[in-house]
Amino acid sequence: MIRGTLLALVLAGAPAFAQPPGSTVVTDEPIVMAEPCQICLMERLDLAQRIDKALKAPDRSMEHRLRDENRQVQKIIETAWPTLAPLTGNRVLDVASGGGYLAMIYSTLVGPNGHVDIHNTPGWIAQFPGMDPERQRGWIKRENIGWVTLPWHELDAPAQSYDLILLGQVYHDIILEGGDAAAMNKRFFDMLTPGGRVVIEDHDAIETMPLVQQVNLHRISKGDVIGQFLAAGFRQAGEAEIESQYDDRKMNVFWPAVRGRTDRFILVFEKPLDGKPAR
């Protein structure tokens, strides 16, 4: 892919090429990875067991369980697993969580001393009443889960409130619904602790397609996301792709021919340990 090739050249120290109209310029600064913490390495030794426990939690709904294979949630968790700080005890924000799919899984992963906030916008809740916090409290009984209801432009928290921010197939919605993605990414940066991570999973788009056209298909290209988060001061810490033989990236992701069978990417970005934007 064009953007994938570009990123490889960036990592090798080659100069960035000019980007197509509507796209974000990817910086040419090499990615510098910090040494993994020892507790993180110990956690990863039993990663399969931790994931299995989270997915088999008895209070997960059947609706959520039926999504696991298609969503390839194990791949998301493995790609996003932190290296600079343990996941146990983390404070997590699940942005535009919907029915709490990722929130429930991460509630188990962070343990009873961690915390997960389920966020949805007022507009989403009005459209989908099942996202209403009061209704969700009727079946989500976990003490380490809370709720945040704010529109995109008001989604904020005090500095270093979270260790992990999740956006599962929703980052494009910020732009689609008129949010300021650059301002939002800056707020994400400020909300995270040093070494904290943002995890983006979304439907991939054609790299040369203007951004507004991408999001109208409920997509966003991997290259655009990388460029936007590097511009916000993050370092890229990981990535993975979920490819589909059925997707040419030209269709709206809700069209029957491609729904549930899109090309997707998983991107992980870290706030530098010194707390300062990477440049």
Protein backbone atom coordinates (compact mmCIF):
# COMPACT_ATOMS: atom_id res chain seq x y z
CA MET A 1 0.00 0.00 0.00
CA ILE A 2 1.16 3.55 -0.67
CA ARG A 3 1.05 4.68 2.94
CA GLY A 4 2.56 1.46 4.21
CA THR A 5 5.50 1.91 1.85
CA LEU A 6 5.82 5.51 2.94
CA LEU A 7 5.95 4.56 6.61
CA ALA A 8 8.62 1.97 5.94
CA LEU A 9 10.72 4.63 4.23
CA VAL A 10 10.14 7.02 7.12
CA LEU A 11 11.36 4.42 9.59
CA ALA A 12 14.43 3.89 7.45
CA GLY A 13 15.16 7.59 7.53
CA ALA A 14 14.13 8.37 3.95
CA PRO A 15 12.49 11.75 3.23
CA ALA A 16 8.68 11.83 3.22
CA PHE A 17 6.92 12.15 -0.12
CA ALA A 18 4.24 14.72 -0.87
CA GLN A 19 0.84 13.52 0.26
CA PRO A 20 -2.34 13.55 -1.84
CA PRO A 21 -4.90 16.33 -1.24
CA GLY A 22 -6.93 15.93 1.95
CA SER A 23 -4.27 13.81 3.63
CA THR A 24 -1.99 14.44 6.58
CA VAL A 25 1.77 14.71 6.16
CA VAL A 26 3.70 11.97 7.92
CA THR A 27 6.76 13.23 9.81
CA ASP A 28 10.17 11.89 8.86
CA GLU A 29 11.34 11.44 12.47
CA PRO A 30 12.41 7.84 13.19
CA ILE A 31 10.45 5.96 15.83
CA VAL A 32 12.52 5.35 18.96
CA MET A 33 11.29 2.51 21.14
CA ALA A 34 11.97 2.39 24.87
CA GLU A 35 13.06 -0.75 26.67
CA PRO A 36 10.12 -2.88 27.88
CA CYS A 37 9.50 -2.97 31.62
CA GLN A 38 10.13 -6.26 33.42
CA ILE A 39 6.59 -6.50 34.84
CA CYS A 40 5.25 -6.04 31.29
CA LEU A 41 7.35 -8.97 30.13
CA MET A 42 6.04 -11.09 33.00
CA GLU A 43 2.46 -10.15 32.14
CA ARG A 44 3.00 -11.13 28.55
CA LEU A 45 4.16 -14.63 29.54
CA ASP A 46 0.58 -15.55 30.44
CA LEU A 47 -1.07 -13.27 27.88
CA ALA A 48 -3.09 -16.11 26.33
CA GLN A 49 -4.52 -17.04 29.72
CA ARG A 50 -5.35 -13.42 30.52
CA ILE A 51 -7.20 -12.99 27.23
CA ASP A 52 -9.01 -16.29 27.66
CA LYS A 53 -10.19 -15.26 31.11
CA ALA A 54 -11.45 -11.92 29.80
CA LEU A 55 -13.36 -13.47 26.89
CA LYS A 56 -14.87 -16.22 29.04
CA ALA A 57 -16.06 -13.94 31.82
CA PRO A 58 -19.51 -15.28 32.80
CA ASP A 59 -21.20 -11.86 32.73
CA ARG A 60 -20.32 -11.11 29.10
CA SER A 61 -23.41 -11.06 26.91
CA MET A 62 -23.96 -13.57 24.13
CA GLU A 63 -24.09 -10.67 21.69
CA HIS A 64 -20.56 -9.70 22.67
CA ARG A 65 -19.29 -13.28 22.56
CA LEU A 66 -20.57 -13.77 19.03
CA ARG A 67 -18.53 -10.78 17.87
CA ASP A 68 -15.17 -12.03 19.13
CA GLU A 69 -14.06 -14.11 16.16
CA ASN A 70 -15.08 -11.66 13.44
CA ARG A 71 -13.72 -8.71 15.39
CA GLN A 72 -10.42 -10.58 15.93
CA VAL A 73 -10.31 -9.06 19.40
CA GLN A 74 -7.42 -11.27 20.47
CA LYS A 75 -5.27 -9.66 17.78
CA ILE A 76 -6.32 -6.22 18.98
CA ILE A 77 -5.33 -7.02 22.56
CA GLU A 78 -2.01 -8.59 21.58
CA THR A 79 -1.08 -5.66 19.33
CA ALA A 80 -2.05 -3.13 21.98
CA TRP A 81 -0.38 -4.84 24.95
CA PRO A 82 1.84 -2.23 26.66
CA THR A 83 5.60 -2.47 26.95
CA LEU A 84 6.44 0.60 29.06
CA ALA A 85 4.09 -0.06 31.99
CA PRO A 86 1.95 -2.97 33.24
CA LEU A 87 -1.66 -3.18 32.06
CA THR A 88 -2.87 -4.41 35.45
CA GLY A 89 -4.31 -1.50 37.39
CA ASN A 90 -4.61 0.77 34.34
CA ARG A 91 -7.22 3.49 34.02
CA VAL A 92 -8.89 3.10 30.62
CA LEU A 93 -11.17 5.31 28.52
CA ASP A 94 -13.19 3.44 25.89
CA VAL A 95 -14.17 6.24 23.51
CA ALA A 96 -17.56 5.86 21.79
CA SER A 97 -17.83 2.46 23.41
CA GLY A 98 -21.35 1.74 22.16
CA GLY A 99 -22.56 -1.29 24.07
CA GLY A 100 -19.33 -1.63 26.04
CA TYR A 101 -17.78 -4.44 24.01
CA LEU A 102 -14.11 -3.48 24.54
CA ALA A 103 -14.83 -1.95 27.94
CA MET A 104 -16.01 -5.26 29.37
CA ILE A 105 -12.95 -7.10 28.07
CA TYR A 106 -10.51 -4.51 29.39
CA SER A 107 -12.35 -4.38 32.71
CA THR A 108 -11.14 -7.95 33.28
CA LEU A 109 -7.66 -7.31 31.87
CA VAL A 110 -6.91 -4.34 34.15
CA GLY A 111 -8.24 -6.15 37.21
CA PRO A 112 -10.18 -4.90 40.24
CA ASN A 113 -7.61 -2.18 40.98
CA GLY A 114 -7.98 -0.77 37.47
CA HIS A 115 -10.87 1.24 36.06
CA VAL A 116 -12.63 1.54 32.69
CA ASP A 117 -14.85 4.45 31.62
CA ILE A 118 -17.49 3.82 28.95
CA HIS A 119 -17.92 6.95 26.83
CA ASN A 120 -20.74 7.69 24.41
CA THR A 121 -21.97 10.98 22.97
CA PRO A 122 -25.45 12.32 23.75
CA GLY A 123 -26.29 12.04 20.04
CA TRP A 124 -25.40 8.36 19.95
CA ILE A 125 -27.42 7.65 23.09
CA ALA A 126 -30.46 9.44 21.62
CA GLN A 127 -30.16 7.31 18.48
CA PHE A 128 -29.36 4.05 20.30
CA PRO A 129 -31.05 3.94 23.73
CA GLY A 130 -29.13 0.78 24.64
CA MET A 131 -26.08 3.03 25.10
CA ASP A 132 -27.79 4.98 27.87
CA PRO A 133 -25.74 4.64 31.08
CA GLU A 134 -28.80 3.90 33.19
CA ARG A 135 -29.80 1.04 30.92
CA GLN A 136 -26.26 -0.30 30.81
CA ARG A 137 -26.03 -0.21 34.60
CA GLY A 138 -28.92 -2.66 34.56
CA TRP A 139 -26.68 -5.42 33.23
CA ILE A 140 -23.11 -4.18 33.76
CA LYS A 141 -22.51 -4.74 37.48
CA ARG A 142 -18.75 -4.39 37.59
CA GLU A 143 -17.40 -2.04 40.23
CA ASN A 144 -14.43 -0.98 38.09
CA ILE A 145 -16.59 0.38 35.23
CA GLY A 146 -17.90 3.95 35.06
CA TRP A 147 -19.65 6.11 32.46
CA VAL A 148 -18.87 9.37 30.68
CA THR A 149 -21.44 11.10 28.44
CA LEU A 150 -19.99 14.01 26.49
CA PRO A 151 -20.06 15.27 22.87
CA TRP A 152 -16.85 15.09 20.87
CA HIS A 153 -15.85 18.71 21.43
CA GLU A 154 -16.27 18.39 25.21
CA LEU A 155 -14.60 15.02 25.70
CA ASP A 156 -11.78 15.85 28.08
CA ALA A 157 -10.34 14.94 31.48
CA PRO A 158 -7.67 16.29 33.83
CA ALA A 159 -4.07 15.73 32.82
CA GLN A 160 -2.82 12.14 33.23
CA SER A 161 -6.30 10.76 34.02
CA TYR A 162 -5.83 7.64 31.89
CA ASP A 163 -3.17 5.08 31.04
CA LEU A 164 -4.96 3.70 27.97
CA ILE A 165 -7.46 5.16 25.50
CA LEU A 166 -9.35 2.83 23.15
CA LEU A 167 -11.11 3.77 19.91
CA GLY A 168 -12.63 0.67 18.35
CA GLN A 169 -13.86 1.37 14.79
CA VAL A 170 -14.88 4.90 15.78
CA TYR A 171 -11.99 7.29 15.09
CA HIS A 172 -13.48 8.18 11.70
CA ASP A 173 -16.70 9.17 13.46
CA ILE A 174 -14.97 12.09 15.19
CA ILE A 175 -14.33 13.66 11.78
CA LEU A 176 -17.59 12.47 10.22
CA GLU A 177 -19.62 14.12 12.98
CA GLY A 178 -17.81 17.44 12.74
CA GLY A 179 -15.30 16.98 15.54
CA ASP A 180 -11.87 18.57 15.47
CA ALA A 181 -9.58 15.52 15.25
CA ALA A 182 -6.39 17.54 15.79
CA ALA A 183 -7.78 19.14 18.96
CA MET A 184 -9.10 15.78 20.13
CA ASN A 185 -5.72 14.11 19.64
CA LYS A 186 -4.07 16.88 21.65
CA ARG A 187 -6.57 16.25 24.45
CA PHE A 188 -5.86 12.52 24.27
CA PHE A 189 -2.16 13.32 24.66
CA ASP A 190 -2.80 15.48 27.73
CA MET A 191 -5.21 12.97 29.31
CA LEU A 192 -2.64 10.17 29.18
CA THR A 193 0.07 9.41 31.69
CA PRO A 194 3.67 9.37 30.34
CA GLY A 195 4.09 6.07 28.51
CA GLY A 196 0.31 5.79 28.10
CA ARG A 197 -1.20 4.49 24.89
CA VAL A 198 -3.94 5.22 22.38
CA VAL A 199 -5.20 2.21 20.44
CA ILE A 200 -7.01 2.81 17.15
CA GLU A 201 -8.85 0.04 15.30
CA ASP A 202 -10.72 1.20 12.22
CA HIS A 203 -11.85 0.41 8.69
CA ASP A 204 -9.07 1.18 6.21
CA ALA A 205 -9.62 3.47 3.23
CA ILE A 206 -7.92 4.18 -0.09
CA GLU A 207 -4.93 6.37 0.76
CA THR A 208 -5.40 8.80 -2.14
CA MET A 209 -9.08 9.39 -1.36
CA PRO A 210 -9.83 12.82 0.20
CA LEU A 211 -10.41 12.56 3.92
CA VAL A 212 -14.01 13.77 3.77
CA GLN A 213 -14.79 11.06 1.23
CA GLN A 214 -13.14 8.42 3.43
CA VAL A 215 -15.17 9.26 6.52
CA ASN A 216 -18.41 9.42 4.55
CA LEU A 217 -17.78 5.72 3.88
CA HIS A 218 -17.20 5.25 7.64
CA ARG A 219 -13.51 4.66 6.95
CA ILE A 220 -10.16 6.37 7.39
CA SER A 221 -6.82 5.37 5.93
CA LYS A 222 -4.08 4.02 8.13
CA GLY A 223 -1.68 6.63 6.77
CA ASP A 224 -3.95 9.51 7.70
CA VAL A 225 -4.30 8.24 11.26
CA ILE A 226 -0.54 7.78 11.61
CA GLY A 227 0.10 11.30 10.33
CA GLN A 228 -2.46 12.85 12.66
CA PHE A 229 -1.17 11.14 15.80
CA LEU A 230 2.48 11.81 15.04
CA ALA A 231 1.54 15.46 14.54
CA ALA A 232 -0.05 15.42 18.02
CA GLY A 233 3.26 14.39 19.59
CA PHE A 234 2.76 10.64 19.91
CA ARG A 235 5.23 7.91 18.93
CA GLN A 236 3.94 4.96 16.97
CA ALA A 237 4.38 1.82 19.08
CA GLY A 238 2.73 -0.91 17.02
CA GLU A 239 0.47 -1.84 14.14
CA ALA A 240 -1.31 -4.79 12.58
CA GLU A 241 -3.62 -5.33 9.62
CA ILE A 242 -6.75 -7.41 9.22
CA GLU A 243 -7.23 -7.93 5.51
CA SER A 244 -10.36 -9.09 3.71
CA GLN A 245 -10.72 -10.58 0.24
CA TYR A 246 -14.17 -8.98 -0.01
CA ASP A 247 -13.18 -5.35 0.47
CA ASP A 248 -11.96 -2.95 -2.22
CA ARG A 249 -12.26 -0.02 0.24
CA LYS A 250 -14.67 1.78 -2.10
CA MET A 251 -17.90 0.86 -0.33
CA ASN A 252 -19.60 2.16 2.79
CA VAL A 253 -18.77 -0.32 5.56
CA PHE A 254 -22.49 -0.86 6.25
CA TRP A 255 -23.25 -2.12 2.74
CA PRO A 256 -24.36 -5.77 2.94
CA ALA A 257 -21.62 -7.01 0.59
CA VAL A 258 -18.85 -5.79 2.90
CA ARG A 259 -20.40 -5.36 6.35
CA GLY A 260 -18.29 -7.25 8.88
CA ARG A 261 -15.73 -8.09 6.17
CA THR A 262 -13.73 -4.88 5.74
CA ASP A 263 -9.99 -4.31 5.65
CA ARG A 264 -9.04 -3.00 9.08
CA PHE A 265 -5.95 -1.81 10.85
CA ILE A 266 -4.82 -1.63 14.46
CA LEU A 267 -2.50 1.23 15.39
CA VAL A 268 -0.88 1.88 18.75
CA PHE A 269 0.56 5.25 19.78
CA GLU A 270 2.50 6.09 22.93
CA LYS A 271 3.00 9.29 24.85
CA PRO A 272 6.76 9.67 25.44
CA LEU A 273 7.96 8.80 28.95
CA ASP A 274 9.16 12.36 29.52
CA GLY A 275 5.60 13.58 28.96
CA LYS A 276 6.68 15.88 26.16
CA PRO A 277 5.47 15.69 22.54
CA ALA A 278 7.83 13.76 20.29
CA ARG A 279 9.24 15.79 17.43
